[in-house]
Amino acid sequence: MLTYPEECIQRYYDDFNWWRKATDKQLRPGRLLRAFIPHVAVTPKRLTPIGRPEEEAGNHGKANYQIYPLRINAPPRTYDLPVAGLACYPGECFTVHRSKKRYCLLISIGGADIPKEMRSSMKPKWHTDPTLVVAPYYGCQKKGVSKWFQPFVERIIKCEYPQYLWDTLPVPGDTESSILRFDHLQPIGRHHDSYELTDYVLKEEAMEIIHEWIFWLSTGEFEENSTLNMLRNELLGIPQD
C-alpha cells in the first residue's frame, strides 16, 4: 500500500489510495502511461538550417543547423535549403525541445475514430492522425531529498493551486512523490510507438476529482456541490459555507 501524509486528498479514499491495478491493456482516462514529454520553455527555440559542409554540398540528407530563440513578434524567414526528411512549408519552422520520458496521466483518448474513407481524402494526413491528451508528472522527492521547495510542496499537497496535484505513483523506482501539472496538458500520438502502458489506472472516484480539477483550472471556479472544493477547504482550513 502506498504511504501518504496525513493532510492530502488521497487520505479521504478507501485504503488511502486512489490507484488500482489494471487487468487489461485498454486506453481509458485515468490510465498511467509513460511518454517522451517536452520541457515547456518560457521562450521556444527554433532549428534553422544555415548551409552544408563543402564536402557535402550535394547531399540533401545533411545540413548544418543553428538554434535560435523563436519570438512571436520576430517570425523566422523561410529558407530555401532543401533537406530530405525535414520539409518546411511557408509559415512553418522546426522547433527544438528538451524531452524526457515521464509518467503521465491519460486525460482523454482524443475523441472518436475518423472513418478511413474520410481520412484518406484529407490532406495533410496529420489533420486526422489520432492523438491522446495527457498531463505529465514531475518527480519532487527522490531518495528522501526534495527536488522542489518544500514549503511550496506542502501547499500543493493541500490542493492550494489549480495547476498542481501532488501524488505518490504506484510504480517501482526511487522517486517517492510527484507533481501532476494540469497546465501542461498536451497531445501525444495514439500510435503504440508514442507511449507505454503501465499496469495502473485511477479509481473511478479519483477520476471524478480529476475532472473537477480540470474544470477548476479552466474556469477558476468549482462545480456546484464539488467534492474537490469540500476536501480542499478542509485541508486548507477554509470554513465551509
Protein backbone atom coordinates (compact mmCIF):
# COMPACT_ATOMS: atom_id res chain seq x y z
CA MET A 1 0.00 0.00 0.00
CA LEU A 2 1.25 3.49 -0.83
CA THR A 3 2.15 5.83 2.02
CA TYR A 4 0.50 9.24 2.08
CA PRO A 5 0.90 12.15 4.53
CA GLU A 6 -1.91 12.96 6.93
CA GLU A 7 -3.09 16.06 5.09
CA CYS A 8 -3.59 15.16 1.43
CA ILE A 9 -6.61 14.48 -0.72
CA GLN A 10 -5.76 10.78 -1.22
CA ARG A 11 -6.30 10.10 2.51
CA TYR A 12 -10.04 10.57 2.06
CA TYR A 13 -10.32 7.48 -0.13
CA ASP A 14 -10.60 3.79 0.67
CA ASP A 15 -7.27 2.26 1.72
CA PHE A 16 -5.76 5.76 1.45
CA ASN A 17 -5.16 5.04 -2.18
CA TRP A 18 -6.80 6.04 -5.43
CA TRP A 19 -4.87 3.79 -7.81
CA ARG A 20 -5.83 0.25 -8.76
CA LYS A 21 -4.17 -2.48 -10.78
CA ALA A 22 -5.47 -2.65 -14.35
CA THR A 23 -6.40 -6.08 -15.68
CA ASP A 24 -6.36 -5.12 -19.36
CA LYS A 25 -4.41 -3.10 -21.92
CA GLN A 26 -7.23 -0.68 -22.67
CA LEU A 27 -6.63 3.04 -23.09
CA ARG A 28 -9.03 4.94 -20.84
CA PRO A 29 -9.00 8.24 -18.94
CA GLY A 30 -7.05 7.75 -15.72
CA ARG A 31 -4.57 5.25 -17.17
CA LEU A 32 -0.97 5.84 -16.13
CA LEU A 33 1.31 5.99 -19.17
CA ARG A 34 4.92 6.82 -19.98
CA ALA A 35 5.86 9.05 -22.89
CA PHE A 36 8.53 11.48 -24.01
CA ILE A 37 7.32 14.87 -22.77
CA PRO A 38 8.93 18.14 -23.93
CA HIS A 39 10.02 20.77 -21.45
CA VAL A 40 7.97 23.91 -21.98
CA ALA A 41 10.44 26.79 -22.30
CA VAL A 42 9.45 30.36 -21.47
CA THR A 43 10.67 31.30 -24.94
CA PRO A 44 10.60 28.48 -27.53
CA LYS A 45 13.58 27.71 -29.74
CA ARG A 46 13.77 27.10 -33.46
CA LEU A 47 16.10 24.99 -35.59
CA THR A 48 17.42 26.91 -38.61
CA PRO A 49 19.45 25.39 -41.49
CA ILE A 50 22.48 27.55 -42.27
CA GLY A 51 24.18 25.54 -45.02
CA ARG A 52 26.11 22.36 -45.70
CA PRO A 53 29.76 21.41 -45.33
CA GLU A 54 31.59 21.98 -48.59
CA GLU A 55 32.31 18.26 -48.96
CA GLU A 56 28.56 17.52 -48.55
CA ALA A 57 27.26 20.26 -50.85
CA GLY A 58 25.24 17.84 -52.98
CA ASN A 59 23.92 15.73 -50.11
CA HIS A 60 20.33 16.76 -49.38
CA GLY A 61 20.24 14.44 -46.38
CA LYS A 62 22.65 16.59 -44.35
CA ALA A 63 22.77 20.21 -43.26
CA ASN A 64 24.28 22.42 -40.60
CA TYR A 65 21.82 23.98 -38.19
CA GLN A 66 21.80 26.63 -35.53
CA ILE A 67 19.34 27.08 -32.68
CA TYR A 68 17.76 30.50 -32.13
CA PRO A 69 15.02 31.88 -29.88
CA LEU A 70 11.59 31.78 -31.54
CA ARG A 71 9.92 35.08 -30.67
CA ILE A 72 6.29 35.71 -31.56
CA ASN A 73 6.99 39.20 -32.94
CA ALA A 74 10.01 38.08 -34.99
CA PRO A 75 8.90 35.06 -37.05
CA PRO A 76 11.72 33.26 -38.88
CA ARG A 77 12.13 33.79 -42.58
CA THR A 78 11.72 30.88 -44.98
CA TYR A 79 14.92 29.15 -46.09
CA ASP A 80 15.40 27.61 -49.50
CA LEU A 81 17.93 25.00 -48.39
CA PRO A 82 16.31 21.62 -49.12
CA VAL A 83 16.88 18.88 -46.54
CA ALA A 84 15.46 15.41 -47.14
CA GLY A 85 13.08 14.37 -44.39
CA LEU A 86 12.80 17.90 -42.98
CA ALA A 87 10.47 19.59 -45.43
CA CYS A 88 9.48 23.04 -44.21
CA TYR A 89 6.44 24.80 -45.66
CA PRO A 90 5.60 28.52 -45.79
CA GLY A 91 4.76 29.89 -42.37
CA GLU A 92 6.32 26.89 -40.61
CA CYS A 93 9.58 26.28 -38.79
CA PHE A 94 11.18 23.49 -36.78
CA THR A 95 11.08 23.95 -33.03
CA VAL A 96 13.54 22.36 -30.61
CA HIS A 97 12.71 20.98 -27.16
CA ARG A 98 14.41 19.07 -24.40
CA SER A 99 12.32 15.99 -23.72
CA LYS A 100 12.29 13.31 -21.06
CA LYS A 101 10.47 10.03 -20.66
CA ARG A 102 7.93 10.74 -17.93
CA TYR A 103 4.91 9.22 -16.32
CA CYS A 104 1.73 10.94 -17.43
CA LEU A 105 -1.97 10.65 -16.74
CA LEU A 106 -4.27 9.93 -19.66
CA ILE A 107 -6.99 12.59 -19.61
CA SER A 108 -8.71 11.89 -22.94
CA ILE A 109 -8.42 9.27 -25.67
CA GLY A 110 -8.81 12.09 -28.18
CA GLY A 111 -12.35 11.67 -29.42
CA ALA A 112 -13.96 9.33 -31.93
CA ASP A 113 -12.05 7.47 -34.62
CA ILE A 114 -12.43 9.04 -38.07
CA PRO A 115 -13.62 6.57 -40.75
CA LYS A 116 -10.92 5.54 -43.21
CA GLU A 117 -12.83 6.92 -46.19
CA MET A 118 -12.86 10.33 -44.51
CA ARG A 119 -9.19 10.20 -43.52
CA SER A 120 -7.98 9.11 -46.95
CA SER A 121 -9.49 12.23 -48.51
CA MET A 122 -7.83 14.62 -46.03
CA LYS A 123 -4.53 16.29 -46.79
CA PRO A 124 -2.25 16.75 -44.95
CA LYS A 125 -2.55 13.49 -43.06
CA TRP A 126 -1.81 14.94 -39.63
CA HIS A 127 -5.19 16.70 -39.60
CA THR A 128 -6.82 13.34 -38.82
CA ASP A 129 -3.99 11.46 -37.08
CA PRO A 130 -5.37 10.25 -33.71
CA THR A 131 -3.94 11.68 -30.51
CA LEU A 132 -4.20 11.24 -26.75
CA VAL A 133 -4.35 14.09 -24.24
CA VAL A 134 -2.10 13.63 -21.22
CA ALA A 135 -0.89 15.57 -18.18
CA PRO A 136 2.72 14.85 -17.14
CA TYR A 137 4.12 14.06 -13.69
CA TYR A 138 7.35 15.62 -12.42
CA GLY A 139 9.30 13.99 -9.61
CA CYS A 140 9.51 16.17 -6.49
CA GLN A 141 11.13 13.85 -3.92
CA LYS A 142 13.80 11.28 -4.68
CA LYS A 143 15.62 9.11 -2.13
CA GLY A 144 14.32 11.30 0.69
CA VAL A 145 15.61 14.51 -0.88
CA SER A 146 13.11 17.12 -2.06
CA LYS A 147 13.81 18.48 -5.56
CA TRP A 148 11.17 21.19 -5.06
CA PHE A 149 10.98 23.93 -2.42
CA GLN A 150 9.34 22.05 0.44
CA PRO A 151 7.04 24.84 1.74
CA PHE A 152 5.70 25.13 -1.82
CA VAL A 153 5.15 21.36 -1.99
CA GLU A 154 3.25 21.44 1.31
CA ARG A 155 0.83 23.93 -0.21
CA ILE A 156 0.44 21.77 -3.30
CA ILE A 157 -0.32 18.74 -1.11
CA LYS A 158 -3.25 20.68 0.37
CA CYS A 159 -4.65 21.42 -3.13
CA GLU A 160 -3.99 25.16 -3.00
CA TYR A 161 -3.26 25.60 -6.73
CA PRO A 162 -5.41 24.55 -9.71
CA GLN A 163 -2.41 23.67 -11.88
CA TYR A 164 -0.69 21.27 -9.44
CA LEU A 165 -1.66 17.95 -7.86
CA TRP A 166 0.67 16.04 -5.53
CA ASP A 167 0.70 12.23 -5.62
CA THR A 168 2.72 9.09 -4.99
CA LEU A 169 2.78 6.90 -8.08
CA PRO A 170 2.26 3.12 -7.73
CA VAL A 171 5.38 2.24 -9.72
CA PRO A 172 8.83 0.96 -8.74
CA GLY A 173 11.72 3.40 -8.53
CA ASP A 174 13.43 5.84 -6.20
CA THR A 175 11.05 8.75 -6.87
CA GLU A 176 8.87 8.87 -3.78
CA SER A 177 6.40 11.59 -4.79
CA SER A 178 5.47 13.52 -7.91
CA ILE A 179 3.58 16.61 -9.03
CA LEU A 180 0.96 16.36 -11.78
CA ARG A 181 0.84 19.53 -13.88
CA PHE A 182 -2.58 20.22 -15.34
CA ASP A 183 -1.21 23.35 -17.01
CA HIS A 184 0.99 21.06 -19.14
CA LEU A 185 -1.91 19.18 -20.74
CA GLN A 186 -0.71 18.19 -24.20
CA PRO A 187 -1.30 15.79 -27.08
CA ILE A 188 0.80 12.73 -27.85
CA GLY A 189 0.36 10.35 -30.76
CA ARG A 190 -2.01 7.43 -30.31
CA HIS A 191 0.45 5.14 -32.10
CA HIS A 192 1.93 2.36 -29.95
CA ASP A 193 5.42 3.77 -30.51
CA SER A 194 4.41 7.03 -28.79
CA TYR A 195 3.65 5.73 -25.30
CA GLU A 196 3.97 2.83 -22.85
CA LEU A 197 1.12 1.47 -20.77
CA THR A 198 1.68 0.83 -17.09
CA ASP A 199 -0.39 -1.63 -15.07
CA TYR A 200 -2.18 1.12 -13.15
CA VAL A 201 -5.28 3.27 -13.55
CA LEU A 202 -7.04 5.74 -11.27
CA LYS A 203 -10.13 4.53 -9.47
CA GLU A 204 -13.42 5.98 -10.72
CA GLU A 205 -13.84 8.20 -7.64
CA ALA A 206 -10.36 9.63 -8.15
CA MET A 207 -11.04 10.30 -11.83
CA GLU A 208 -14.13 12.28 -10.83
CA ILE A 209 -11.82 14.51 -8.78
CA ILE A 210 -9.54 14.91 -11.82
CA HIS A 211 -12.48 16.09 -13.95
CA GLU A 212 -13.44 18.58 -11.23
CA TRP A 213 -9.82 19.74 -11.09
CA ILE A 214 -9.70 20.44 -14.83
CA PHE A 215 -12.97 22.39 -14.54
CA TRP A 216 -11.39 24.42 -11.72
CA LEU A 217 -8.25 25.10 -13.82
CA SER A 218 -10.21 26.14 -16.92
CA THR A 219 -12.85 28.31 -15.20
CA GLY A 220 -11.28 29.41 -11.94
CA GLU A 221 -14.38 28.11 -10.18
CA PHE A 222 -15.69 24.88 -8.68
CA GLU A 223 -18.72 22.96 -9.82
CA GLU A 224 -21.80 23.09 -7.63
CA ASN A 225 -21.52 20.61 -4.73
CA SER A 226 -17.90 19.95 -5.72
CA THR A 227 -16.21 17.18 -3.75
CA LEU A 228 -12.83 18.69 -4.60
CA ASN A 229 -13.86 22.06 -3.19
CA MET A 230 -15.14 20.45 0.02
CA LEU A 231 -11.94 18.43 0.58
CA ARG A 232 -9.71 21.37 -0.36
CA ASN A 233 -11.48 23.63 2.14
CA GLU A 234 -10.94 21.02 4.85
CA LEU A 235 -7.25 20.62 4.01
CA LEU A 236 -6.66 24.38 3.94
CA GLY A 237 -8.82 25.08 6.98
CA ILE A 238 -11.26 27.23 5.00
CA PRO A 239 -14.69 27.49 6.68
CA GLN A 240 -17.42 25.68 4.75
CA ASP A 241 -20.42 27.69 3.54
